[in-house]
Protein backbone atom coordinates (compact mmCIF):
# COMPACT_ATOMS: atom_id res chain seq x y z
CA UNK A 1 -12.45 -30.89 41.62
CA UNK A 2 -11.83 -28.21 39.02
CA UNK A 3 -14.22 -28.13 36.07
CA UNK A 4 -12.84 -29.21 32.72
CA UNK A 5 -12.32 -26.36 30.30
CA UNK A 6 -13.81 -27.14 26.92
CA UNK A 7 -12.17 -25.32 23.98
CA UNK A 8 -14.33 -25.11 20.90
CA UNK A 9 -12.51 -26.09 17.72
CA UNK A 10 -14.34 -25.26 14.48
CA UNK A 11 -15.07 -28.27 12.22
CA UNK A 12 -12.90 -26.79 9.45
CA UNK A 13 -9.93 -26.71 11.81
CA UNK A 14 -10.52 -30.29 12.91
CA UNK A 15 -10.67 -31.36 9.27
CA UNK A 16 -7.43 -29.64 8.33
CA UNK A 17 -5.66 -31.15 11.33
CA UNK A 18 -6.53 -34.58 9.92
CA UNK A 19 -4.60 -33.92 6.72
CA UNK A 20 -5.64 -34.52 3.12
CA UNK A 21 -8.29 -37.14 3.94
CA UNK A 22 -9.94 -34.97 6.55
CA UNK A 23 -9.91 -31.97 4.24
CA UNK A 24 -11.51 -33.87 1.37
CA UNK A 25 -14.16 -35.45 3.62
CA UNK A 26 -15.10 -32.05 5.06
CA UNK A 27 -15.39 -30.49 1.59
CA UNK A 28 -17.41 -33.41 0.21
CA UNK A 29 -19.84 -32.97 3.09
CA UNK A 30 -20.39 -29.36 2.04
CA UNK A 31 -17.96 -27.72 4.44
CA UNK A 32 -16.24 -24.45 3.57
CA UNK A 33 -12.78 -23.31 4.58
CA UNK A 34 -12.19 -19.73 5.67
CA UNK A 35 -9.47 -17.77 7.41
CA UNK A 36 -12.10 -16.25 9.69
CA UNK A 37 -12.17 -19.42 11.78
CA UNK A 38 -9.20 -20.11 14.05
CA UNK A 39 -8.39 -22.19 17.10
CA UNK A 40 -7.40 -20.67 20.45
CA UNK A 41 -3.87 -20.03 19.15
CA UNK A 42 -5.07 -18.14 16.11
CA UNK A 43 -4.15 -21.00 13.80
CA UNK A 44 -6.34 -21.33 10.72
CA UNK A 45 -7.29 -24.35 8.64
CA UNK A 46 -4.86 -23.16 5.96
CA UNK A 47 -2.00 -23.16 8.46
CA UNK A 48 -2.86 -26.65 9.66
CA UNK A 49 -3.10 -27.87 6.07
CA UNK A 50 0.41 -26.60 5.39
CA UNK A 51 1.72 -28.19 8.57
CA UNK A 52 0.32 -31.53 7.37
CA UNK A 53 2.44 -31.41 4.21
CA UNK A 54 2.18 -31.26 0.44
CA UNK A 55 -0.77 -33.66 0.04
CA UNK A 56 -2.85 -31.64 2.49
CA UNK A 57 -1.81 -28.38 0.84
CA UNK A 58 -3.04 -29.67 -2.52
CA UNK A 59 -6.27 -31.04 -1.02
CA UNK A 60 -6.96 -27.76 0.77
CA UNK A 61 -6.58 -25.80 -2.46
CA UNK A 62 -8.75 -28.23 -4.41
CA UNK A 63 -11.40 -27.87 -1.69
CA UNK A 64 -11.54 -24.13 -2.36
CA UNK A 65 -9.29 -23.04 0.49
CA UNK A 66 -7.11 -19.97 0.06
CA UNK A 67 -3.70 -19.21 1.50
CA UNK A 68 -3.51 -15.65 2.83
CA UNK A 69 -1.02 -13.65 4.89
CA UNK A 70 -3.04 -14.09 8.09
CA UNK A 71 -0.80 -14.90 11.07
CA UNK A 72 -1.29 -16.87 14.27
CA UNK A 73 -0.60 -15.66 17.83
CA UNK A 74 3.17 -15.75 17.15
CA UNK A 75 2.87 -13.95 13.84
CA UNK A 76 3.60 -17.13 11.89
CA UNK A 77 1.83 -17.46 8.55
CA UNK A 78 1.01 -20.36 6.24
CA UNK A 79 3.86 -19.22 3.98
CA UNK A 80 6.37 -19.37 6.83
CA UNK A 81 5.22 -22.87 7.68
CA UNK A 82 5.66 -24.01 4.08
CA UNK A 83 9.13 -22.46 3.92
CA UNK A 84 10.10 -24.14 7.19
CA UNK A 85 8.85 -27.55 6.00
CA UNK A 86 11.20 -27.63 3.02
CA UNK A 87 11.37 -28.03 -0.73
CA UNK A 88 8.39 -30.31 -1.34
CA UNK A 89 5.99 -28.15 0.64
CA UNK A 90 7.42 -24.93 -0.78
CA UNK A 91 6.62 -26.17 -4.28
CA UNK A 92 3.16 -27.42 -3.31
CA UNK A 93 2.32 -24.17 -1.53
CA UNK A 94 3.06 -22.03 -4.58
CA UNK A 95 1.30 -24.43 -6.95
CA UNK A 96 -1.74 -24.10 -4.67
CA UNK A 97 -1.72 -20.32 -5.07
CA UNK A 98 0.36 -19.35 -2.04
CA UNK A 99 2.87 -16.50 -2.15
CA UNK A 100 6.01 -15.71 -0.21
CA UNK A 101 6.50 -12.20 1.18
CA UNK A 102 8.81 -10.38 3.59
CA UNK A 103 6.19 -10.46 6.35
CA UNK A 104 7.89 -11.03 9.73
CA UNK A 105 6.78 -13.19 12.62
CA UNK A 106 6.27 -11.56 16.02
CA UNK A 107 8.71 -13.74 17.95
CA UNK A 108 12.06 -13.06 16.29
CA UNK A 109 11.16 -11.07 13.20
CA UNK A 110 11.86 -13.99 10.87
CA UNK A 111 10.54 -14.03 7.30
CA UNK A 112 9.63 -16.95 5.02
CA UNK A 113 13.04 -16.58 3.35
CA UNK A 114 14.77 -17.04 6.70
CA UNK A 115 12.73 -20.13 7.50
CA UNK A 116 13.58 -21.56 4.06
CA UNK A 117 17.29 -20.97 4.68
CA UNK A 118 17.32 -22.24 8.26
CA UNK A 119 19.51 -25.31 8.37
CA UNK A 120 21.32 -24.36 5.16
CA UNK A 121 19.62 -27.09 3.10
CA UNK A 122 20.50 -26.43 -0.59
CA UNK A 123 17.30 -28.02 -1.89
CA UNK A 124 15.12 -25.81 0.29
CA UNK A 125 17.02 -22.69 -0.73
CA UNK A 126 16.76 -23.54 -4.44
CA UNK A 127 13.07 -24.43 -4.14
CA UNK A 128 12.30 -21.14 -2.40
CA UNK A 129 13.81 -19.08 -5.21
CA UNK A 130 12.26 -21.25 -7.92
CA UNK A 131 8.90 -20.65 -6.22
CA UNK A 132 9.34 -16.91 -6.62
CA UNK A 133 10.75 -16.15 -3.19
CA UNK A 134 13.20 -13.28 -2.85
CA UNK A 135 16.23 -12.75 -0.65
CA UNK A 136 16.48 -9.24 0.78
CA UNK A 137 18.56 -7.50 3.43
CA UNK A 138 15.60 -7.29 5.82
CA UNK A 139 16.69 -7.70 9.43
CA UNK A 140 15.31 -9.75 12.29
CA UNK A 141 14.70 -8.10 15.64
CA UNK A 142 18.30 -8.84 16.63
CA UNK A 143 19.73 -7.43 13.38
CA UNK A 144 20.34 -10.72 11.56
CA UNK A 145 19.66 -11.17 7.83
CA UNK A 146 19.05 -14.12 5.52
CA UNK A 147 22.73 -14.00 4.55
CA UNK A 148 24.05 -14.23 8.11
CA UNK A 149 21.64 -17.08 8.88
CA UNK A 150 22.84 -18.98 5.80
CA UNK A 151 26.48 -18.44 6.73
CA UNK A 152 25.96 -19.88 10.20
CA UNK A 153 24.84 -23.20 8.75
CA UNK A 154 27.97 -23.64 6.68
CA UNK A 155 29.39 -24.30 3.24
CA UNK A 156 26.51 -26.03 1.45
CA UNK A 157 24.03 -23.31 2.34
CA UNK A 158 26.47 -20.57 1.38
CA UNK A 159 27.01 -22.11 -2.06
CA UNK A 160 23.30 -22.66 -2.68
CA UNK A 161 22.39 -19.17 -1.50
CA UNK A 162 24.96 -17.56 -3.81
CA UNK A 163 23.91 -19.74 -6.76
CA UNK A 164 20.29 -18.76 -6.12
CA UNK A 165 21.16 -15.08 -6.42
CA UNK A 166 21.68 -14.25 -2.75
CA UNK A 167 24.12 -11.44 -2.02
CA UNK A 168 26.85 -11.07 0.56
CA UNK A 169 28.25 -7.67 1.56
CA UNK A 170 31.18 -6.18 3.44
CA UNK A 171 28.90 -3.84 5.37
CA UNK A 172 29.45 -4.32 9.12
CA UNK A 173 26.36 -5.12 11.19
CA UNK A 174 25.51 -3.51 14.51
CA UNK A 175 28.13 -5.71 16.17
CA UNK A 176 30.75 -4.44 13.72
CA UNK A 177 31.06 -7.79 11.95
CA UNK A 178 30.96 -8.47 8.22
CA UNK A 179 29.72 -11.54 6.39
CA UNK A 180 33.28 -12.72 5.84
CA UNK A 181 33.90 -12.57 9.59
CA UNK A 182 30.84 -14.71 10.26
CA UNK A 183 32.00 -17.16 7.58
CA UNK A 184 35.41 -17.43 9.24
CA UNK A 185 33.75 -18.19 12.57
CA UNK A 186 31.65 -20.91 10.95
CA UNK A 187 34.76 -22.97 10.13
CA UNK A 188 37.24 -23.75 7.37
CA UNK A 189 34.74 -25.12 4.86
CA UNK A 190 32.34 -22.22 5.34
CA UNK A 191 35.14 -19.69 4.98
CA UNK A 192 36.34 -21.36 1.77
CA UNK A 193 32.81 -21.53 0.35
CA UNK A 194 32.25 -17.89 1.18
CA UNK A 195 35.51 -16.85 -0.49
CA UNK A 196 34.60 -18.83 -3.61
CA UNK A 197 31.08 -17.40 -3.64
CA UNK A 198 32.26 -13.83 -3.34
CA UNK A 199 35.70 -14.15 -4.96
CA UNK A 200 37.15 -11.72 -2.45
CA UNK A 201 38.19 -11.42 1.17
CA UNK A 202 37.26 -8.54 3.43
CA UNK A 203 40.35 -6.39 3.92
CA UNK A 204 39.28 -5.70 7.50
CA UNK A 205 39.22 -9.38 8.29
CA UNK A 206 42.74 -10.40 9.35
CA UNK A 207 43.87 -14.01 9.00
CA UNK A 208 43.68 -16.39 10.62
CA UNK A 209 40.16 -16.02 12.03
CA UNK A 210 39.22 -19.68 12.20
CA UNK A 211 38.25 -20.59 15.78
CA UNK A 212 38.92 -24.03 17.21
CA UNK A 213 35.20 -24.58 17.69
CA UNK A 214 31.96 -23.00 16.57
CA UNK A 215 30.88 -20.27 19.02
CA UNK A 216 27.52 -20.28 20.70
CA UNK A 217 25.10 -18.68 18.29
CA UNK A 218 21.95 -16.67 18.45
CA UNK A 219 20.66 -18.87 15.61
CA UNK A 220 19.29 -21.66 17.75
CA UNK A 221 17.15 -24.13 15.86
CA UNK A 222 13.52 -23.17 16.31
CA UNK A 223 10.78 -25.76 16.73
CA UNK A 224 8.51 -26.22 13.73
CA UNK A 225 5.86 -23.50 13.66
């Protein structure tokens, strides 16, 4: 019979994994939170607190915990987790002293902005910008940008992204495709929203370019960090 492998998990990590109640109980007992302690995956108490949601984020901050740019074994930070979780956690994260940067994960080269825009949810996009997040033309490891990710998810995301100050360009990517071409491939509603958001059509993009179905995309939905 093989011996059982015991993995030590620091008390601060266990507390954060139990959400707001666990965090408060740990702090009231004199415990301190630090980014120096991680589990076997490199995940810190701060990251677990963010994964538990807005109440845990607030409790972690009130307990003296800080949100830094430290990343786990996949390069995913607390900020990326907050952005991925959506509007409520984005707001709570910033109110608790967290900041959003262009730091990339090590898996696909995604930034917090990309996680916030994944799915094209208008509320998440608006919350990210309101929280001080910026949209840049930084590329993932496969050459994608925030704009192309937004376009893939359709009309609502395109509108919200443009209203939040996001920019679309006619500059071809490494595949020779422009934003308007991606919008056309995303369907009628996306193409219309893109045209309204940019008030122009790429002259190199002949009509019609609307496919009968959405093509397979490199933007597969990622599991929650």
